[in-house]
Protein backbone atom coordinates (compact mmCIF):
# COMPACT_ATOMS: atom_id res chain seq x y z
CA MET A 1 -37.07 -153.20 -142.33
CA LEU A 2 -39.40 -154.19 -139.53
CA SER A 3 -36.97 -153.14 -136.81
CA ASP A 4 -37.04 -149.47 -137.90
CA GLY A 5 -33.23 -149.29 -138.04
CA VAL A 6 -32.50 -151.02 -134.73
CA VAL A 7 -30.96 -154.09 -136.38
CA ASP A 8 -28.81 -151.93 -138.68
CA TYR A 9 -27.55 -150.02 -135.66
CA ILE A 10 -26.64 -153.19 -133.75
CA TRP A 11 -24.95 -154.76 -136.78
CA SER A 12 -22.98 -151.56 -137.41
CA ILE A 13 -21.49 -151.94 -133.93
CA LEU A 14 -20.80 -155.65 -134.45
CA SER A 15 -19.23 -155.20 -137.89
CA GLY A 16 -16.99 -152.28 -136.93
CA PRO A 17 -16.38 -148.88 -138.50
CA GLY A 18 -16.45 -148.79 -142.28
CA LYS A 19 -17.28 -152.49 -142.69
CA PRO A 20 -20.43 -153.73 -144.45
CA LEU A 21 -23.29 -154.71 -142.13
CA ILE A 22 -23.74 -157.96 -144.02
CA ASP A 23 -20.31 -159.13 -142.79
CA ALA A 24 -21.41 -159.07 -139.15
CA ASP A 25 -24.63 -160.83 -140.04
CA ALA A 26 -22.83 -163.51 -142.05
CA ARG A 27 -20.40 -164.23 -139.21
CA ARG A 28 -23.27 -164.50 -136.79
CA TYR A 29 -25.26 -167.01 -138.84
CA MET A 30 -22.23 -169.12 -139.80
CA ARG A 31 -22.04 -170.34 -136.19
CA GLU A 32 -23.66 -173.57 -135.05
CA ASN A 33 -25.95 -174.39 -132.14
CA SER A 34 -26.57 -170.82 -131.04
CA LYS A 35 -29.63 -168.61 -130.84
CA PHE A 36 -28.62 -167.03 -134.15
CA CYS A 37 -27.22 -169.65 -136.52
CA TYR A 38 -27.86 -171.06 -139.97
CA GLN A 39 -29.52 -174.12 -138.43
CA ILE A 40 -32.64 -172.14 -137.48
CA CYS A 41 -32.99 -170.40 -140.85
CA GLN A 42 -34.97 -170.98 -143.98
CA ILE A 43 -33.13 -169.72 -147.06
CA THR A 44 -34.79 -168.94 -150.37
CA ILE A 45 -32.66 -169.82 -153.40
CA LEU A 46 -33.52 -168.74 -156.94
CA ASP A 47 -31.37 -169.91 -159.86
CA ASP A 48 -28.70 -171.16 -157.41
CA VAL A 49 -28.44 -167.70 -155.80
CA PRO A 50 -29.54 -167.06 -152.18
CA GLU A 51 -32.35 -164.50 -152.35
CA GLY A 52 -33.65 -164.32 -148.80
CA LEU A 53 -33.39 -165.62 -145.28
CA LEU A 54 -36.02 -166.15 -142.62
CA SER A 55 -34.85 -166.53 -139.05
CA VAL A 56 -37.33 -167.23 -136.28
CA VAL A 57 -36.13 -166.83 -132.71
CA PRO A 58 -38.42 -167.87 -129.86
CA LEU A 59 -39.05 -165.11 -127.35
CA LYS A 60 -39.52 -165.62 -123.65
CA VAL A 61 -42.78 -163.91 -122.73
CA ASP A 62 -43.56 -162.92 -119.16
CA SER A 63 -47.09 -164.12 -118.47
CA GLY A 64 -47.44 -162.11 -115.28
């Protein structure tokens, strides 16, 4: 929502034509020890069902 469609566009390329965007996202976060992996996420679970995911990725900021 916050990316104004940019994330959906990227995931549509990663998932491939006609495949759900969530598949590309799931594959990405199933990895370990990478910039995008389940190890850096907080997952909200309600009644044993995952309801949300928060992923925080540090950004390198140019101070000059």
